[in-house]
């Protein structure tokens, strides 16, 4: 891949959302961006559902979600968008699952999760015959889950698979080939550095080397050959003060191990809870707390 020149990247203001919100979830489908739920100024979950058209630079309101909620997990299933769990009007986790058909412009309730949960990590596999995998989450009792559930599209049921070795919520997961990589997350308020991989063919878990530097609110970015663990917050315990980090850890997908990273490769600014992505051969980070 040809590496993009940094001068090729330019900021451009876009049309704002119709209303302010936090904990909304964005998903891209068919070249458009959908904004799902969130909380308003008073912390009340919203049922709003809107789509952004890049060509028109315009947001359009769509039929609202049947269930108002924030912090949902979302799967892009081609012409359908699946919305899973999240936090409801009573500030408690939900087990509700709803699906929006883009062509029909309608919502439809689907079979619920086995238990209510927030902070679920979702991956979708396949084209046409999609398979949705939901990992972890935090239940109403505030305990992290080790569940891995597979959604059967034809039967509209959730099937339990082998449990994750490490219970967690707010983990990052991504699919590569037949394997689902699950990194980090939290137990209670504290970050964990577990790195585990589920093989969808053998239906078994493998423990990978732990993330070298344990921190909360970091970002993970996969590229063609490597996986980056970026920034975050080193949490304070006992006599240690919390600290925003510049740290960059790099995992070699072929060698199966974490590489030693020089300080010159660290982020230029300490930050946590930011956005990051891979664009034209470069890892890009923006915003956050520092």
C-alpha atoms as a PDB file:
ATOM      1  CA  UNK A   1       0.000   0.000   0.000  1.00  0.00           C
ATOM      2  CA  UNK A   2       1.284   3.446  -0.934  1.00  0.00           C
ATOM      3  CA  UNK A   3       1.808   5.579   2.154  1.00  0.00           C
ATOM      4  CA  UNK A   4      -0.260   8.759   2.127  1.00  0.00           C
ATOM      5  CA  UNK A   5       1.470  12.093   2.626  1.00  0.00           C
ATOM      6  CA  UNK A   6       0.373  13.854   5.811  1.00  0.00           C
ATOM      7  CA  UNK A   7      -0.412  16.926   3.707  1.00  0.00           C
ATOM      8  CA  UNK A   8      -3.144  14.866   2.019  1.00  0.00           C
ATOM      9  CA  UNK A   9      -5.171  14.907   5.246  1.00  0.00           C
ATOM     10  CA  UNK A  10      -7.373  17.957   5.736  1.00  0.00           C
ATOM     11  CA  UNK A  11     -10.061  18.771   8.301  1.00  0.00           C
ATOM     12  CA  UNK A  12     -13.468  19.732   6.945  1.00  0.00           C
ATOM     13  CA  UNK A  13     -16.529  20.846   8.966  1.00  0.00           C
ATOM     14  CA  UNK A  14     -19.611  18.683   8.392  1.00  0.00           C
ATOM     15  CA  UNK A  15     -23.307  19.117   9.132  1.00  0.00           C
ATOM     16  CA  UNK A  16     -24.047  18.773  12.882  1.00  0.00           C
ATOM     17  CA  UNK A  17     -26.491  16.309  14.392  1.00  0.00           C
ATOM     18  CA  UNK A  18     -29.994  17.585  15.068  1.00  0.00           C
ATOM     19  CA  UNK A  19     -29.466  17.382  18.842  1.00  0.00           C
ATOM     20  CA  UNK A  20     -26.604  17.103  21.330  1.00  0.00           C
ATOM     21  CA  UNK A  21     -25.895  13.704  22.855  1.00  0.00           C
ATOM     22  CA  UNK A  22     -23.288  11.439  24.415  1.00  0.00           C
ATOM     23  CA  UNK A  23     -22.799   7.657  24.252  1.00  0.00           C
ATOM     24  CA  UNK A  24     -24.309   7.528  20.776  1.00  0.00           C
ATOM     25  CA  UNK A  25     -23.072   4.741  18.497  1.00  0.00           C
ATOM     26  CA  UNK A  26     -22.049   5.300  14.864  1.00  0.00           C
ATOM     27  CA  UNK A  27     -21.993   2.647  12.154  1.00  0.00           C
ATOM     28  CA  UNK A  28     -21.238   2.843   8.430  1.00  0.00           C
ATOM     29  CA  UNK A  29     -23.449   0.960   5.988  1.00  0.00           C
ATOM     30  CA  UNK A  30     -23.744   1.388   2.228  1.00  0.00           C
ATOM     31  CA  UNK A  31     -21.566   4.506   2.183  1.00  0.00           C
ATOM     32  CA  UNK A  32     -23.707   6.284   4.781  1.00  0.00           C
ATOM     33  CA  UNK A  33     -23.223   6.841   8.521  1.00  0.00           C
ATOM     34  CA  UNK A  34     -25.984   5.963  10.984  1.00  0.00           C
ATOM     35  CA  UNK A  35     -26.175   7.533  14.481  1.00  0.00           C
ATOM     36  CA  UNK A  36     -27.977   5.340  17.010  1.00  0.00           C
ATOM     37  CA  UNK A  37     -29.343   6.387  20.397  1.00  0.00           C
ATOM     38  CA  UNK A  38     -27.329   8.071  23.129  1.00  0.00           C
ATOM     39  CA  UNK A  39     -28.094  10.232  26.186  1.00  0.00           C
ATOM     40  CA  UNK A  40     -29.398  13.804  26.154  1.00  0.00           C
ATOM     41  CA  UNK A  41     -28.257  16.758  28.312  1.00  0.00           C
ATOM     42  CA  UNK A  42     -30.011  15.248  31.338  1.00  0.00           C
ATOM     43  CA  UNK A  43     -28.510  11.792  30.912  1.00  0.00           C
ATOM     44  CA  UNK A  44     -31.777  10.307  29.657  1.00  0.00           C
ATOM     45  CA  UNK A  45     -31.417   7.595  26.967  1.00  0.00           C
ATOM     46  CA  UNK A  46     -32.747   8.577  23.529  1.00  0.00           C
ATOM     47  CA  UNK A  47     -34.531   6.622  20.789  1.00  0.00           C
ATOM     48  CA  UNK A  48     -33.213   8.826  17.964  1.00  0.00           C
ATOM     49  CA  UNK A  49     -31.932   7.239  14.756  1.00  0.00           C
ATOM     50  CA  UNK A  50     -30.432   9.332  11.952  1.00  0.00           C
ATOM     51  CA  UNK A  51     -28.448   8.826   8.764  1.00  0.00           C
ATOM     52  CA  UNK A  52     -25.714  11.034   7.303  1.00  0.00           C
ATOM     53  CA  UNK A  53     -25.221  11.329   3.534  1.00  0.00           C
ATOM     54  CA  UNK A  54     -21.639  12.398   2.631  1.00  0.00           C
ATOM     55  CA  UNK A  55     -22.722  13.548  -0.843  1.00  0.00           C
ATOM     56  CA  UNK A  56     -25.377  15.918   0.492  1.00  0.00           C
ATOM     57  CA  UNK A  57     -23.564  16.675   3.792  1.00  0.00           C
ATOM     58  CA  UNK A  58     -26.905  16.202   5.495  1.00  0.00           C
ATOM     59  CA  UNK A  59     -28.445  14.287   8.400  1.00  0.00           C
ATOM     60  CA  UNK A  60     -31.913  12.793   7.936  1.00  0.00           C
ATOM     61  CA  UNK A  61     -34.152  11.525  10.748  1.00  0.00           C
ATOM     62  CA  UNK A  62     -35.252   7.894  10.406  1.00  0.00           C
ATOM     63  CA  UNK A  63     -37.907   5.924  12.328  1.00  0.00           C
ATOM     64  CA  UNK A  64     -36.817   5.972  15.995  1.00  0.00           C
ATOM     65  CA  UNK A  65     -35.661   2.841  17.775  1.00  0.00           C
ATOM     66  CA  UNK A  66     -38.498   0.988  19.528  1.00  0.00           C
ATOM     67  CA  UNK A  67     -36.395   1.113  22.719  1.00  0.00           C
ATOM     68  CA  UNK A  68     -34.611   4.269  23.892  1.00  0.00           C
ATOM     69  CA  UNK A  69     -31.055   3.423  24.945  1.00  0.00           C
ATOM     70  CA  UNK A  70     -27.411   4.466  24.964  1.00  0.00           C
ATOM     71  CA  UNK A  71     -24.061   2.741  24.600  1.00  0.00           C
ATOM     72  CA  UNK A  72     -25.424   0.020  22.336  1.00  0.00           C
ATOM     73  CA  UNK A  73     -23.433  -2.586  20.440  1.00  0.00           C
ATOM     74  CA  UNK A  74     -24.073  -2.516  16.689  1.00  0.00           C
ATOM     75  CA  UNK A  75     -23.502  -4.930  13.805  1.00  0.00           C
ATOM     76  CA  UNK A  76     -23.586  -3.920  10.132  1.00  0.00           C
ATOM     77  CA  UNK A  77     -25.344  -6.723   8.252  1.00  0.00           C
ATOM     78  CA  UNK A  78     -25.411  -5.259   4.751  1.00  0.00           C
ATOM     79  CA  UNK A  79     -28.956  -3.964   4.312  1.00  0.00           C
ATOM     80  CA  UNK A  80     -29.715  -4.429   8.013  1.00  0.00           C
ATOM     81  CA  UNK A  81     -28.413  -2.854  11.204  1.00  0.00           C
ATOM     82  CA  UNK A  82     -28.553  -4.902  14.396  1.00  0.00           C
ATOM     83  CA  UNK A  83     -28.679  -3.038  17.733  1.00  0.00           C
ATOM     84  CA  UNK A  84     -27.789  -5.034  20.844  1.00  0.00           C
ATOM     85  CA  UNK A  85     -28.053  -4.344  24.581  1.00  0.00           C
ATOM     86  CA  UNK A  86     -26.976  -1.004  26.009  1.00  0.00           C
ATOM     87  CA  UNK A  87     -28.401   1.077  28.865  1.00  0.00           C
ATOM     88  CA  UNK A  88     -32.127   1.829  29.103  1.00  0.00           C
ATOM     89  CA  UNK A  89     -34.323   4.531  30.618  1.00  0.00           C
ATOM     90  CA  UNK A  90     -33.844   3.197  34.165  1.00  0.00           C
ATOM     91  CA  UNK A  91     -30.034   3.398  33.761  1.00  0.00           C
ATOM     92  CA  UNK A  92     -29.837  -0.398  33.805  1.00  0.00           C
ATOM     93  CA  UNK A  93     -28.391  -2.765  31.172  1.00  0.00           C
ATOM     94  CA  UNK A  94     -30.780  -4.191  28.565  1.00  0.00           C
ATOM     95  CA  UNK A  95     -31.020  -7.560  26.830  1.00  0.00           C
ATOM     96  CA  UNK A  96     -33.195  -6.203  24.017  1.00  0.00           C
ATOM     97  CA  UNK A  97     -32.125  -6.778  20.395  1.00  0.00           C
ATOM     98  CA  UNK A  98     -33.677  -4.832  17.497  1.00  0.00           C
ATOM     99  CA  UNK A  99     -32.940  -4.826  13.781  1.00  0.00           C
ATOM    100  CA  UNK A 100     -33.472  -2.071  11.216  1.00  0.00           C
ATOM    101  CA  UNK A 101     -34.083  -2.942   7.560  1.00  0.00           C
ATOM    102  CA  UNK A 102     -32.575  -0.146   5.462  1.00  0.00           C
ATOM    103  CA  UNK A 103     -34.626  -0.912   2.320  1.00  0.00           C
ATOM    104  CA  UNK A 104     -37.940  -1.205   4.184  1.00  0.00           C
ATOM    105  CA  UNK A 105     -37.244   1.614   6.638  1.00  0.00           C
ATOM    106  CA  UNK A 106     -38.651  -0.459   9.507  1.00  0.00           C
ATOM    107  CA  UNK A 107     -37.532  -1.780  12.888  1.00  0.00           C
ATOM    108  CA  UNK A 108     -38.167  -5.344  14.019  1.00  0.00           C
ATOM    109  CA  UNK A 109     -37.610  -6.914  17.427  1.00  0.00           C
ATOM    110  CA  UNK A 110     -35.305  -9.934  17.514  1.00  0.00           C
ATOM    111  CA  UNK A 111     -34.769 -12.590  20.153  1.00  0.00           C
ATOM    112  CA  UNK A 112     -33.163 -11.146  23.301  1.00  0.00           C
ATOM    113  CA  UNK A 113     -29.747 -11.884  24.759  1.00  0.00           C
ATOM    114  CA  UNK A 114     -29.552 -14.532  27.491  1.00  0.00           C
ATOM    115  CA  UNK A 115     -28.957 -11.754  30.049  1.00  0.00           C
ATOM    116  CA  UNK A 116     -29.107  -7.971  30.085  1.00  0.00           C
ATOM    117  CA  UNK A 117     -25.715  -6.410  29.407  1.00  0.00           C
ATOM    118  CA  UNK A 118     -23.899  -3.223  28.481  1.00  0.00           C
ATOM    119  CA  UNK A 119     -20.378  -2.924  27.078  1.00  0.00           C
ATOM    120  CA  UNK A 120     -20.798  -5.928  24.786  1.00  0.00           C
ATOM    121  CA  UNK A 121     -18.216  -6.374  22.032  1.00  0.00           C
ATOM    122  CA  UNK A 122     -19.721  -7.438  18.691  1.00  0.00           C
ATOM    123  CA  UNK A 123     -18.251  -8.769  15.445  1.00  0.00           C
ATOM    124  CA  UNK A 124     -20.061  -9.876  12.280  1.00  0.00           C
ATOM    125  CA  UNK A 125     -18.806 -12.517   9.856  1.00  0.00           C
ATOM    126  CA  UNK A 126     -19.802 -13.295   6.281  1.00  0.00           C
ATOM    127  CA  UNK A 127     -21.649 -11.627   3.433  1.00  0.00           C
ATOM    128  CA  UNK A 128     -25.289 -12.418   2.835  1.00  0.00           C
ATOM    129  CA  UNK A 129     -25.253 -15.274   5.359  1.00  0.00           C
ATOM    130  CA  UNK A 130     -24.088 -13.171   8.301  1.00  0.00           C
ATOM    131  CA  UNK A 131     -22.992 -14.517  11.658  1.00  0.00           C
ATOM    132  CA  UNK A 132     -23.004 -12.201  14.650  1.00  0.00           C
ATOM    133  CA  UNK A 133     -20.827 -12.857  17.706  1.00  0.00           C
ATOM    134  CA  UNK A 134     -21.373 -11.014  21.011  1.00  0.00           C
ATOM    135  CA  UNK A 135     -18.602 -11.236  23.625  1.00  0.00           C
ATOM    136  CA  UNK A 136     -18.580 -10.236  27.290  1.00  0.00           C
ATOM    137  CA  UNK A 137     -20.479  -7.302  28.747  1.00  0.00           C
ATOM    138  CA  UNK A 138     -21.476  -6.132  32.217  1.00  0.00           C
ATOM    139  CA  UNK A 139     -24.736  -7.285  33.774  1.00  0.00           C
ATOM    140  CA  UNK A 140     -27.230  -5.643  36.116  1.00  0.00           C
ATOM    141  CA  UNK A 141     -25.177  -6.895  39.087  1.00  0.00           C
ATOM    142  CA  UNK A 142     -22.140  -4.976  37.715  1.00  0.00           C
ATOM    143  CA  UNK A 143     -20.199  -8.202  37.209  1.00  0.00           C
ATOM    144  CA  UNK A 144     -18.312  -8.749  33.932  1.00  0.00           C
ATOM    145  CA  UNK A 145     -19.533 -11.580  31.712  1.00  0.00           C
ATOM    146  CA  UNK A 146     -17.449 -14.275  30.044  1.00  0.00           C
ATOM    147  CA  UNK A 147     -20.236 -15.173  27.614  1.00  0.00           C
ATOM    148  CA  UNK A 148     -19.705 -15.632  23.905  1.00  0.00           C
ATOM    149  CA  UNK A 149     -22.982 -15.828  22.008  1.00  0.00           C
ATOM    150  CA  UNK A 150     -23.647 -16.491  18.336  1.00  0.00           C
ATOM    151  CA  UNK A 151     -26.817 -15.195  16.688  1.00  0.00           C
ATOM    152  CA  UNK A 152     -28.514 -17.592  14.256  1.00  0.00           C
ATOM    153  CA  UNK A 153     -30.164 -15.341  11.652  1.00  0.00           C
ATOM    154  CA  UNK A 154     -32.467 -18.053  10.258  1.00  0.00           C
ATOM    155  CA  UNK A 155     -33.796 -19.329  13.593  1.00  0.00           C
ATOM    156  CA  UNK A 156     -33.678 -15.961  15.406  1.00  0.00           C
ATOM    157  CA  UNK A 157     -31.938 -17.468  18.434  1.00  0.00           C
ATOM    158  CA  UNK A 158     -28.766 -16.819  20.412  1.00  0.00           C
ATOM    159  CA  UNK A 159     -26.510 -19.846  20.809  1.00  0.00           C
ATOM    160  CA  UNK A 160     -23.977 -20.033  23.659  1.00  0.00           C
ATOM    161  CA  UNK A 161     -20.417 -20.883  22.630  1.00  0.00           C
ATOM    162  CA  UNK A 162     -17.297 -21.621  24.687  1.00  0.00           C
ATOM    163  CA  UNK A 163     -16.890 -19.012  27.420  1.00  0.00           C
ATOM    164  CA  UNK A 164     -14.091 -16.458  27.228  1.00  0.00           C
ATOM    165  CA  UNK A 165     -11.186 -17.327  29.536  1.00  0.00           C
ATOM    166  CA  UNK A 166     -11.328 -13.776  30.971  1.00  0.00           C
ATOM    167  CA  UNK A 167     -14.670 -12.135  31.912  1.00  0.00           C
ATOM    168  CA  UNK A 168     -14.790  -8.485  30.810  1.00  0.00           C
ATOM    169  CA  UNK A 169     -16.802  -5.639  29.358  1.00  0.00           C
ATOM    170  CA  UNK A 170     -15.892  -2.746  27.042  1.00  0.00           C
ATOM    171  CA  UNK A 171     -13.365  -4.926  25.219  1.00  0.00           C
ATOM    172  CA  UNK A 172     -12.244  -4.348  21.628  1.00  0.00           C
ATOM    173  CA  UNK A 173     -12.806  -7.155  19.142  1.00  0.00           C
ATOM    174  CA  UNK A 174     -12.182  -7.596  15.435  1.00  0.00           C
ATOM    175  CA  UNK A 175     -12.424 -10.401  12.919  1.00  0.00           C
ATOM    176  CA  UNK A 176      -9.536 -11.618  10.785  1.00  0.00           C
ATOM    177  CA  UNK A 177     -10.192 -14.672   8.628  1.00  0.00           C
ATOM    178  CA  UNK A 178     -11.886 -17.256  10.838  1.00  0.00           C
ATOM    179  CA  UNK A 179     -10.669 -15.784  14.124  1.00  0.00           C
ATOM    180  CA  UNK A 180     -12.070 -13.182  16.503  1.00  0.00           C
ATOM    181  CA  UNK A 181      -9.432 -11.199  18.405  1.00  0.00           C
ATOM    182  CA  UNK A 182     -10.581  -9.810  21.776  1.00  0.00           C
ATOM    183  CA  UNK A 183      -8.367  -7.281  23.577  1.00  0.00           C
ATOM    184  CA  UNK A 184      -8.445  -5.434  26.866  1.00  0.00           C
ATOM    185  CA  UNK A 185     -11.641  -4.253  28.471  1.00  0.00           C
ATOM    186  CA  UNK A 186     -12.492  -3.783  32.128  1.00  0.00           C
ATOM    187  CA  UNK A 187     -13.541  -5.664  35.238  1.00  0.00           C
ATOM    188  CA  UNK A 188     -15.397  -3.358  37.612  1.00  0.00           C
ATOM    189  CA  UNK A 189     -13.615  -0.004  37.118  1.00  0.00           C
ATOM    190  CA  UNK A 190     -10.210  -1.466  36.364  1.00  0.00           C
ATOM    191  CA  UNK A 191      -8.562  -2.188  33.034  1.00  0.00           C
ATOM    192  CA  UNK A 192      -7.289  -5.649  32.162  1.00  0.00           C
ATOM    193  CA  UNK A 193      -4.579  -6.570  29.659  1.00  0.00           C
ATOM    194  CA  UNK A 194      -5.942  -9.946  28.519  1.00  0.00           C
ATOM    195  CA  UNK A 195      -5.637 -10.826  24.816  1.00  0.00           C
ATOM    196  CA  UNK A 196      -7.606 -13.878  23.657  1.00  0.00           C
ATOM    197  CA  UNK A 197      -8.600 -15.287  20.270  1.00  0.00           C
ATOM    198  CA  UNK A 198     -11.649 -17.374  19.343  1.00  0.00           C
ATOM    199  CA  UNK A 199     -11.467 -19.699  16.330  1.00  0.00           C
ATOM    200  CA  UNK A 200     -14.916 -19.812  14.711  1.00  0.00           C
ATOM    201  CA  UNK A 201     -14.134 -23.138  13.000  1.00  0.00           C
ATOM    202  CA  UNK A 202     -12.813 -25.118  15.986  1.00  0.00           C
ATOM    203  CA  UNK A 203     -15.002 -23.074  18.377  1.00  0.00           C
ATOM    204  CA  UNK A 204     -12.172 -22.813  20.875  1.00  0.00           C
ATOM    205  CA  UNK A 205     -10.242 -20.039  22.628  1.00  0.00           C
ATOM    206  CA  UNK A 206      -6.493 -19.448  22.620  1.00  0.00           C
ATOM    207  CA  UNK A 207      -4.698 -17.140  25.052  1.00  0.00           C
ATOM    208  CA  UNK A 208      -2.284 -14.733  23.372  1.00  0.00           C
ATOM    209  CA  UNK A 209       0.503 -12.778  25.132  1.00  0.00           C
ATOM    210  CA  UNK A 210      -0.975 -10.091  27.382  1.00  0.00           C
ATOM    211  CA  UNK A 211      -0.898  -6.452  26.296  1.00  0.00           C
ATOM    212  CA  UNK A 212       2.432  -5.217  27.760  1.00  0.00           C
ATOM    213  CA  UNK A 213       1.096  -2.033  29.368  1.00  0.00           C
ATOM    214  CA  UNK A 214      -2.210  -2.241  31.220  1.00  0.00           C
ATOM    215  CA  UNK A 215      -4.308   0.906  30.806  1.00  0.00           C
ATOM    216  CA  UNK A 216      -7.913   2.040  30.499  1.00  0.00           C
ATOM    217  CA  UNK A 217      -9.517   3.970  27.634  1.00  0.00           C
ATOM    218  CA  UNK A 218      -6.766   3.081  25.159  1.00  0.00           C
ATOM    219  CA  UNK A 219      -7.442   2.438  21.459  1.00  0.00           C
ATOM    220  CA  UNK A 220      -6.626  -0.637  19.380  1.00  0.00           C
ATOM    221  CA  UNK A 221      -6.037  -0.390  15.629  1.00  0.00           C
ATOM    222  CA  UNK A 222      -5.459  -3.421  13.360  1.00  0.00           C
ATOM    223  CA  UNK A 223      -3.489  -3.042  10.110  1.00  0.00           C
ATOM    224  CA  UNK A 224      -2.562  -5.627   7.467  1.00  0.00           C
ATOM    225  CA  UNK A 225       0.323  -7.078   9.480  1.00  0.00           C
ATOM    226  CA  UNK A 226       0.219  -5.504  12.924  1.00  0.00           C
ATOM    227  CA  UNK A 227      -2.024  -4.522  15.789  1.00  0.00           C
ATOM    228  CA  UNK A 228      -1.448  -1.260  17.658  1.00  0.00           C
ATOM    229  CA  UNK A 229      -2.335  -0.542  21.300  1.00  0.00           C
ATOM    230  CA  UNK A 230      -2.325   3.241  21.711  1.00  0.00           C
ATOM    231  CA  UNK A 231      -2.316   5.656  24.643  1.00  0.00           C
ATOM    232  CA  UNK A 232      -4.815   5.332  27.475  1.00  0.00           C
ATOM    233  CA  UNK A 233      -4.940   6.011  31.195  1.00  0.00           C
ATOM    234  CA  UNK A 234      -2.696   4.257  33.687  1.00  0.00           C
ATOM    235  CA  UNK A 235      -5.041   3.915  36.627  1.00  0.00           C
ATOM    236  CA  UNK A 236      -4.043   4.895  40.146  1.00  0.00           C
ATOM    237  CA  UNK A 237      -3.904   2.255  42.864  1.00  0.00           C
ATOM    238  CA  UNK A 238      -2.534   2.552  46.398  1.00  0.00           C
ATOM    239  CA  UNK A 239       0.347   5.046  46.100  1.00  0.00           C
ATOM    240  CA  UNK A 240       0.357   5.344  42.329  1.00  0.00           C
ATOM    241  CA  UNK A 241      -1.258   8.366  40.712  1.00  0.00           C
ATOM    242  CA  UNK A 242      -3.358   8.009  37.531  1.00  0.00           C
ATOM    243  CA  UNK A 243      -1.484   9.123  34.447  1.00  0.00           C
ATOM    244  CA  UNK A 244      -2.347   9.711  30.794  1.00  0.00           C
ATOM    245  CA  UNK A 245      -0.053   7.735  28.502  1.00  0.00           C
ATOM    246  CA  UNK A 246       1.796   8.197  25.192  1.00  0.00           C
ATOM    247  CA  UNK A 247       2.649   4.495  25.046  1.00  0.00           C
ATOM    248  CA  UNK A 248       2.361   2.564  21.775  1.00  0.00           C
ATOM    249  CA  UNK A 249       2.534  -1.246  21.875  1.00  0.00           C
ATOM    250  CA  UNK A 250       2.751  -3.182  18.607  1.00  0.00           C
ATOM    251  CA  UNK A 251       1.737  -6.827  18.038  1.00  0.00           C
ATOM    252  CA  UNK A 252       3.106  -8.735  15.033  1.00  0.00           C
ATOM    253  CA  UNK A 253       0.254 -10.845  13.625  1.00  0.00           C
ATOM    254  CA  UNK A 254       2.601 -13.235  11.807  1.00  0.00           C
ATOM    255  CA  UNK A 255       5.096 -13.781  14.635  1.00  0.00           C
ATOM    256  CA  UNK A 256       2.382 -13.853  17.289  1.00  0.00           C
ATOM    257  CA  UNK A 257       4.194 -11.590  19.741  1.00  0.00           C
ATOM    258  CA  UNK A 258       4.497  -8.022  20.983  1.00  0.00           C
ATOM    259  CA  UNK A 259       7.414  -6.071  19.543  1.00  0.00           C
ATOM    260  CA  UNK A 260       9.690  -3.734  21.433  1.00  0.00           C
ATOM    261  CA  UNK A 261       8.659  -0.181  20.598  1.00  0.00           C
ATOM    262  CA  UNK A 262      11.072   2.746  20.752  1.00  0.00           C
ATOM    263  CA  UNK A 263       9.959   5.908  22.523  1.00  0.00           C
ATOM    264  CA  UNK A 264      10.278   7.815  19.246  1.00  0.00           C
ATOM    265  CA  UNK A 265       7.237   5.816  18.046  1.00  0.00           C
ATOM    266  CA  UNK A 266       5.056   6.913  20.971  1.00  0.00           C
ATOM    267  CA  UNK A 267       2.136   9.317  20.564  1.00  0.00           C
ATOM    268  CA  UNK A 268       3.163  12.967  20.473  1.00  0.00           C
ATOM    269  CA  UNK A 269       0.569  13.853  23.137  1.00  0.00           C
ATOM    270  CA  UNK A 270      -0.642  11.897  26.162  1.00  0.00           C
ATOM    271  CA  UNK A 271      -4.292  10.992  25.745  1.00  0.00           C
ATOM    272  CA  UNK A 272      -7.088   8.563  26.592  1.00  0.00           C
ATOM    273  CA  UNK A 273     -10.662   7.929  25.413  1.00  0.00           C
ATOM    274  CA  UNK A 274      -9.901   9.082  21.868  1.00  0.00           C
ATOM    275  CA  UNK A 275     -10.712   7.881  18.354  1.00  0.00           C
ATOM    276  CA  UNK A 276      -8.189   6.079  16.177  1.00  0.00           C
ATOM    277  CA  UNK A 277      -8.193   4.366  12.802  1.00  0.00           C
ATOM    278  CA  UNK A 278      -6.106   3.126   9.907  1.00  0.00           C
ATOM    279  CA  UNK A 279      -6.201   5.279   6.781  1.00  0.00           C
ATOM    280  CA  UNK A 280      -4.060   5.015   3.642  1.00  0.00           C
ATOM    281  CA  UNK A 281      -1.201   3.235   5.391  1.00  0.00           C
ATOM    282  CA  UNK A 282      -1.188   5.484   8.458  1.00  0.00           C
ATOM    283  CA  UNK A 283      -2.551   5.121  11.980  1.00  0.00           C
ATOM    284  CA  UNK A 284      -4.540   8.282  12.755  1.00  0.00           C
ATOM    285  CA  UNK A 285      -5.583   9.440  16.252  1.00  0.00           C
ATOM    286  CA  UNK A 286      -7.809  12.383  17.163  1.00  0.00           C
ATOM    287  CA  UNK A 287      -9.241  14.046  20.247  1.00  0.00           C
ATOM    288  CA  UNK A 288      -9.570  12.447  23.658  1.00  0.00           C
ATOM    289  CA  UNK A 289      -8.686  13.496  27.188  1.00  0.00           C
ATOM    290  CA  UNK A 290      -5.184  14.470  28.276  1.00  0.00           C
END
